[in-house]
Protein backbone atom coordinates (compact mmCIF):
# COMPACT_ATOMS: atom_id res chain seq x y z
CA MET A 1 65.68 123.07 86.96
CA PRO A 2 62.50 122.75 89.11
CA LYS A 3 59.11 123.29 87.51
CA THR A 4 56.61 125.81 88.89
CA GLN A 5 54.32 123.07 90.24
CA ASP A 6 57.23 121.59 92.21
CA ILE A 7 57.93 124.78 94.19
CA ASN A 8 56.45 125.07 97.67
CA ALA A 9 53.28 127.20 97.57
CA ALA A 10 54.13 128.86 100.89
CA LEU A 11 57.49 129.99 99.50
CA ILE A 12 55.81 131.50 96.44
CA GLU A 13 53.33 133.36 98.66
CA GLN A 14 56.12 134.61 100.93
CA ILE A 15 57.94 136.12 97.95
CA ARG A 16 54.70 137.62 96.56
CA VAL A 17 53.98 139.30 99.90
CA ALA A 18 57.54 140.65 100.08
CA SER A 19 57.27 141.91 96.49
CA ARG A 20 54.04 143.80 97.22
CA CYS A 21 55.67 145.35 100.28
CA MET A 22 58.64 146.50 98.18
CA VAL A 23 56.34 148.01 95.56
CA ARG A 24 54.54 150.01 98.27
CA GLU A 25 57.64 151.07 100.19
CA LEU A 26 59.58 152.12 97.10
CA GLY A 27 56.69 154.30 95.98
CA PHE A 28 55.57 152.49 92.85
CA MET A 29 51.90 152.80 93.86
CA HIS A 30 52.14 156.58 93.45
CA ASN A 31 51.58 158.49 90.23
CA THR A 32 55.10 159.88 90.44
CA LEU A 33 58.39 158.41 91.68
CA ALA A 34 61.64 159.44 93.37
CA ALA A 35 60.50 162.97 94.24
CA THR A 36 60.07 163.85 90.55
CA ASP A 37 57.03 164.87 88.51
CA TYR A 38 57.40 161.71 86.39
CA ALA A 39 55.68 158.33 86.44
CA PRO A 40 57.72 155.26 87.50
CA SER A 41 58.15 154.16 83.88
CA ALA A 42 59.64 157.55 82.91
CA VAL A 43 62.02 157.51 85.88
CA HIS A 44 63.10 153.99 84.93
CA ALA A 45 63.61 155.11 81.32
CA LEU A 46 65.94 157.95 82.37
CA LEU A 47 67.97 155.53 84.51
CA GLU A 48 68.36 152.97 81.73
CA ILE A 49 69.20 155.48 79.00
CA ASP A 50 71.93 156.84 81.26
CA ALA A 51 73.22 153.33 82.03
CA HIS A 52 73.39 152.48 78.31
CA LYS A 53 74.63 155.99 77.34
CA THR A 54 72.21 155.92 74.41
CA MET A 55 69.18 153.83 73.39
CA THR A 56 66.56 153.84 70.68
CA ALA A 57 62.86 153.85 71.55
CA ALA A 58 62.62 150.25 70.30
CA GLN A 59 65.48 149.13 72.55
CA LEU A 60 63.89 150.94 75.47
CA ALA A 61 60.51 149.27 74.84
CA ASP A 62 62.13 145.84 74.73
CA PHE A 63 64.21 146.46 77.84
CA LEU A 64 61.32 147.84 79.92
CA GLY A 65 58.80 145.33 78.57
CA LEU A 66 56.38 148.08 77.51
CA GLU A 67 54.35 148.62 74.35
CA LYS A 68 56.08 150.72 71.70
CA SER A 69 53.13 153.12 71.63
CA SER A 70 53.48 153.75 75.38
CA ILE A 71 57.22 154.28 75.01
CA SER A 72 56.67 156.67 72.11
CA ARG A 73 54.32 158.86 74.16
CA MET A 74 56.63 158.79 77.18
CA VAL A 75 59.71 159.64 75.11
CA ARG A 76 57.88 162.54 73.46
CA LYS A 77 56.99 163.98 76.89
CA LEU A 78 60.59 163.67 78.09
CA VAL A 79 61.93 165.27 74.91
CA ASP A 80 59.41 168.13 75.18
CA ALA A 81 60.40 168.58 78.83
CA GLY A 82 64.06 168.94 77.81
CA GLU A 83 65.17 165.74 79.55
CA LEU A 84 66.12 163.83 76.37
CA SER A 85 67.60 164.65 72.97
CA GLU A 86 67.05 162.70 69.76
CA THR A 87 69.62 162.12 67.01
CA PRO A 88 69.53 159.76 63.97
CA SER A 89 70.72 156.28 64.95
CA ALA A 90 74.04 155.08 63.47
CA ASP A 91 72.58 151.57 63.04
CA ASP A 92 69.24 152.53 61.48
CA ALA A 93 68.46 155.90 59.92
CA ARG A 94 64.75 155.25 60.53
CA SER A 95 65.20 155.30 64.32
CA LYS A 96 66.62 157.89 66.68
CA SER A 97 69.14 157.55 69.50
CA LEU A 98 68.03 158.95 72.83
CA ARG A 99 70.47 160.67 75.19
CA LEU A 100 70.13 162.63 78.40
CA THR A 101 70.41 166.39 78.01
CA PRO A 102 72.13 168.52 80.68
CA CYS A 103 68.66 169.01 82.16
CA GLY A 104 68.12 165.25 82.11
CA LYS A 105 71.43 164.66 83.86
CA ARG A 106 70.41 167.06 86.63
CA THR A 107 67.10 165.23 87.01
CA LEU A 108 68.95 161.91 87.06
CA ALA A 109 71.33 163.15 89.76
CA ALA A 110 68.33 164.01 91.95
CA ILE A 111 66.76 160.58 91.26
CA ASN A 112 69.99 158.81 92.17
CA ALA A 113 70.39 160.84 95.36
CA TYR A 114 66.83 159.99 96.38
CA GLY A 115 67.26 156.30 95.60
CA HIS A 116 70.63 156.10 97.34
CA ALA A 117 69.17 157.60 100.50
CA GLN A 118 66.11 155.34 100.33
CA VAL A 119 68.06 152.09 99.86
CA GLY A 120 70.87 153.15 102.18
CA GLY A 121 68.36 153.87 104.94
CA ALA A 122 66.85 150.41 104.57
CA LEU A 123 70.24 148.65 104.50
CA ALA A 124 71.23 150.51 107.67
CA GLN A 125 68.63 148.38 109.46
CA LEU A 126 70.58 145.22 108.58
CA SER A 127 73.87 143.66 109.60
CA ALA A 128 76.71 143.52 107.06
CA HIS A 129 75.97 139.84 106.43
CA GLN A 130 72.25 140.53 105.92
CA GLN A 131 73.08 143.38 103.53
CA GLN A 132 75.13 141.01 101.37
CA LEU A 133 72.40 138.36 101.45
CA ALA A 134 69.81 140.95 100.42
CA ALA A 135 71.93 142.21 97.51
CA GLU A 136 72.74 138.74 96.20
CA GLY A 137 69.19 137.45 96.63
CA LEU A 138 67.58 140.42 94.90
CA HIS A 139 70.07 140.24 92.05
CA THR A 140 69.43 136.53 91.48
CA TYR A 141 65.64 136.89 91.74
CA ALA A 142 65.61 139.87 89.36
CA GLN A 143 67.56 137.85 86.79
CA ALA A 144 65.13 134.95 87.18
CA LEU A 145 62.15 137.26 86.60
CA GLN A 146 63.79 138.66 83.47
CA ALA A 147 64.63 135.19 82.17
CA HIS A 148 61.03 134.05 82.73
CA ARG A 149 59.63 137.09 80.86
CA GLN A 150 62.01 136.54 77.95
CA GLY A 151 61.33 132.81 77.80
CA GLN A 152 64.92 131.90 78.63
CA GLN A 153 66.36 129.29 80.95
CA GLN A 154 67.78 130.96 84.04
CA VAL A 155 71.23 129.62 84.92
CA CYS A 156 71.66 128.73 88.58
CA ALA A 157 75.06 129.94 89.75
CA SER A 158 75.15 127.28 92.47
CA LEU A 159 75.32 124.42 89.94
CA PRO A 160 78.83 123.11 89.17
CA VAL A 161 80.62 124.62 86.18
CA GLU A 162 82.89 122.43 84.07
CA LEU A 163 85.60 123.84 81.79
CA VAL A 164 86.31 122.00 78.54
CA SER A 165 88.85 122.79 75.84
CA VAL A 166 87.18 121.04 72.93
CA TYR A 167 84.58 122.39 70.54
CA GLN A 168 80.95 121.72 71.48
CA PRO A 169 78.10 121.58 68.94
CA GLY A 170 76.25 124.90 68.90
CA ALA A 171 79.17 126.84 70.39
CA ILE A 172 79.23 129.51 67.67
CA GLY A 173 75.57 130.35 68.04
CA ARG A 174 75.65 130.32 71.84
CA ILE A 175 78.76 132.51 72.11
CA VAL A 176 77.28 135.00 69.64
CA GLN A 177 74.01 135.02 71.59
CA MET A 178 75.73 135.77 74.92
CA HIS A 179 77.71 138.61 73.33
CA ALA A 180 74.70 140.10 71.55
CA GLN A 181 72.48 140.07 74.63
CA PHE A 182 75.07 141.46 77.03
CA TYR A 183 76.42 144.22 74.79
CA SER A 184 72.97 145.27 73.60
CA ARG A 185 72.04 145.99 77.22
CA SER A 186 75.36 147.37 78.42
CA ALA A 187 76.43 149.39 75.38
CA GLY A 188 73.48 149.60 72.99
CA PHE A 189 75.27 147.59 70.29
CA GLY A 190 73.06 146.26 67.50
CA SER A 191 73.03 143.90 64.55
CA PHE A 192 76.35 145.17 63.16
CA PHE A 193 78.15 144.05 66.31
CA GLU A 194 76.37 140.70 66.40
CA SER A 195 77.20 139.94 62.78
CA LYS A 196 80.85 140.90 63.31
CA VAL A 197 81.17 138.56 66.30
CA ALA A 198 79.53 135.76 64.32
CA ALA A 199 81.76 136.24 61.27
CA GLY A 200 84.98 136.42 63.28
CA LEU A 201 84.13 133.42 65.40
CA ALA A 202 83.08 131.34 62.38
CA GLU A 203 86.36 132.19 60.65
CA PHE A 204 88.36 131.12 63.71
CA ILE A 205 86.47 127.83 64.13
CA ALA A 206 86.84 126.99 60.43
CA ARG A 207 90.63 127.18 60.51
CA PRO A 208 92.59 123.92 60.55
CA ALA A 209 93.62 122.87 64.06
CA HIS A 210 96.67 124.81 65.18
CA ALA A 211 98.72 124.03 68.30
CA ARG A 212 98.89 127.68 69.34
CA ASN A 213 95.13 128.28 69.22
CA GLY A 214 92.83 127.39 72.09
CA MET A 215 89.16 127.60 73.05
CA TRP A 216 87.72 127.00 76.52
CA LEU A 217 84.02 126.66 77.22
CA ALA A 218 82.24 126.74 80.57
CA LEU A 219 79.45 124.17 80.76
CA GLN A 220 76.67 123.92 83.31
CA GLU A 221 74.49 120.83 83.05
CA GLY A 222 75.76 120.51 79.47
CA ARG A 223 74.78 124.08 78.52
CA ILE A 224 77.42 126.55 77.34
CA VAL A 225 77.54 129.42 79.85
CA GLY A 226 80.92 130.97 79.10
CA SER A 227 83.77 131.10 76.61
CA ILE A 228 87.26 132.41 75.96
CA VAL A 229 89.58 132.01 72.97
CA ILE A 230 93.31 132.42 72.45
CA ASP A 231 94.09 133.10 68.80
CA GLY A 232 97.81 132.50 68.33
CA GLN A 233 97.86 133.14 64.59
CA ASP A 234 96.33 136.48 63.68
CA LEU A 235 98.78 138.92 65.38
CA GLY A 236 102.11 137.31 64.51
CA GLU A 237 105.42 138.19 66.22
CA ASN A 238 104.80 135.51 68.87
CA HIS A 239 101.88 137.52 70.28
CA ALA A 240 98.54 135.99 71.29
CA HIS A 241 95.10 137.54 70.88
CA LEU A 242 92.55 136.97 73.67
CA ARG A 243 89.07 136.94 72.11
CA TRP A 244 85.38 136.22 72.81
CA PHE A 245 85.59 136.23 76.61
CA ILE A 246 82.05 136.14 77.98
CA VAL A 247 80.01 134.49 80.72
CA ASP A 248 76.26 134.10 80.95
CA ASP A 249 74.41 136.69 83.05
CA GLY A 250 73.55 134.08 85.68
CA LEU A 251 77.26 133.30 86.20
CA ARG A 252 78.52 136.84 86.74
CA GLY A 253 80.30 137.02 90.07
CA SER A 254 80.47 133.22 90.41
CA GLY A 255 84.17 132.91 89.59
CA ALA A 256 83.54 131.16 86.25
CA GLY A 257 85.03 134.07 84.31
CA ARG A 258 88.17 134.02 86.43
CA ARG A 259 88.57 130.29 85.82
CA LEU A 260 88.22 130.75 82.07
CA LEU A 261 90.76 133.58 82.01
CA GLU A 262 93.27 131.65 84.11
CA ALA A 263 92.96 128.57 81.87
CA ALA A 264 93.60 130.68 78.78
CA LEU A 265 96.58 132.49 80.30
CA ALA A 266 98.11 129.23 81.56
CA PHE A 267 97.95 127.99 77.95
CA CYS A 268 99.70 131.18 76.78
CA ASP A 269 102.46 130.66 79.33
CA VAL A 270 103.01 127.07 78.25
CA GLN A 271 103.14 128.17 74.61
CA GLY A 272 105.71 130.83 75.46
CA PHE A 273 103.96 133.83 73.89
CA ASP A 274 105.87 137.08 74.37
CA ALA A 275 102.64 139.02 74.94
CA VAL A 276 98.88 138.58 75.11
CA HIS A 277 96.69 141.36 73.66
CA LEU A 278 93.00 142.07 74.10
CA TRP A 279 90.78 144.81 72.69
CA THR A 280 87.81 146.16 74.63
CA PHE A 281 86.25 149.54 75.38
CA GLN A 282 85.86 151.96 78.27
CA GLY A 283 83.15 151.35 80.83
CA LEU A 284 83.43 147.59 81.43
CA ASP A 285 84.87 148.14 84.89
CA ALA A 286 84.40 144.64 86.34
CA ALA A 287 86.18 143.08 83.35
CA ARG A 288 88.98 145.63 83.58
CA ARG A 289 89.58 144.79 87.24
CA LEU A 290 89.82 141.12 86.33
CA TYR A 291 92.27 141.80 83.50
CA GLU A 292 94.49 144.01 85.64
CA ALA A 293 94.47 141.46 88.45
CA HIS A 294 95.99 139.01 85.95
CA GLY A 295 98.77 141.27 84.74
CA PHE A 296 97.19 143.19 81.86
CA LYS A 297 98.07 146.86 81.41
CA LEU A 298 96.17 149.49 79.45
CA LEU A 299 98.57 150.60 76.69
CA GLU A 300 96.37 152.84 74.55
CA GLN A 301 92.84 154.09 74.02
CA TRP A 302 91.11 156.04 71.30
CA SER A 303 87.68 156.94 69.98
CA GLY A 304 86.55 154.37 67.42
CA ALA A 305 83.54 152.58 66.00
CA GLN A 306 84.75 149.11 64.98
CA TRP A 307 81.77 147.57 66.81
CA GLY A 308 79.21 149.71 64.99
CA LYS A 309 78.96 152.51 67.54
CA GLU A 310 81.45 155.11 68.69
CA VAL A 311 83.08 154.19 72.01
CA ILE A 312 86.44 154.73 73.70
CA GLU A 313 88.29 151.65 72.50
CA GLN A 314 91.12 150.22 74.60
CA ARG A 315 94.03 147.82 74.09
CA PHE A 316 95.36 145.87 77.08
CA VAL A 317 98.57 143.83 76.99
CA ARG A 318 99.99 141.22 79.35
């Protein structure tokens, strides 16, 4: 991973100039944004609360990188304006979950329409190839900015990824970390979910070696960046349980997840399992497309809270 002092100064300046241009053209220099009466931070808050379905003020402050006092004032204005509702949090009675009200959803629809037209108009100036380059480049750069702010090492998707099927020191902690970070952002899960992942994974690792169990890890420069487990013991009836399937944010879309899933399913085929089950929840559309492309079918879904928050739980079977 290159150090800051090793990066060409002209390249840094080119990106800084482009970033200032984007800030101006997207309207972030104005007091309000996206044809609303709200400041950019408030517009961003509405977008993220909708994306996560619900968030606490503390989660919102951490996600937006703003002071809790600033978030508290902003949230109060949005609640008073009828854009947000507050209810006691299931994870912590001292905090409140924030959701969009019907009024907030109407405001969000207008924000999304404005943003879609703004970005769509810009992309119309580019060829299809340039559009794809712009989307991929912005996505990668945004992840790198976030990783730098959070003091994390940004994974470069262009580096080779190696799959191994043996335990690596630190695997439990790393797999738990990837789950906690992803599902906190995507679903608002908290400490209950993290502790449940840690306990289940520790129990699996502590079992004596069993021929019908398997773990595959994706490594990039020796760092764990993905995992998947086949538990051949806990369901019985010659059925396998697919568990703890995750890839690092920097690897999403790189094909690493597909490779992990295919390795695990090839193992299941060799072992002759009659079925492979996995439990997930509604809304993880990219993962669902991957599962269905590999023969999984949605058999049932229901409202449940086994991960510490009520979601539409789903069971897929191959």
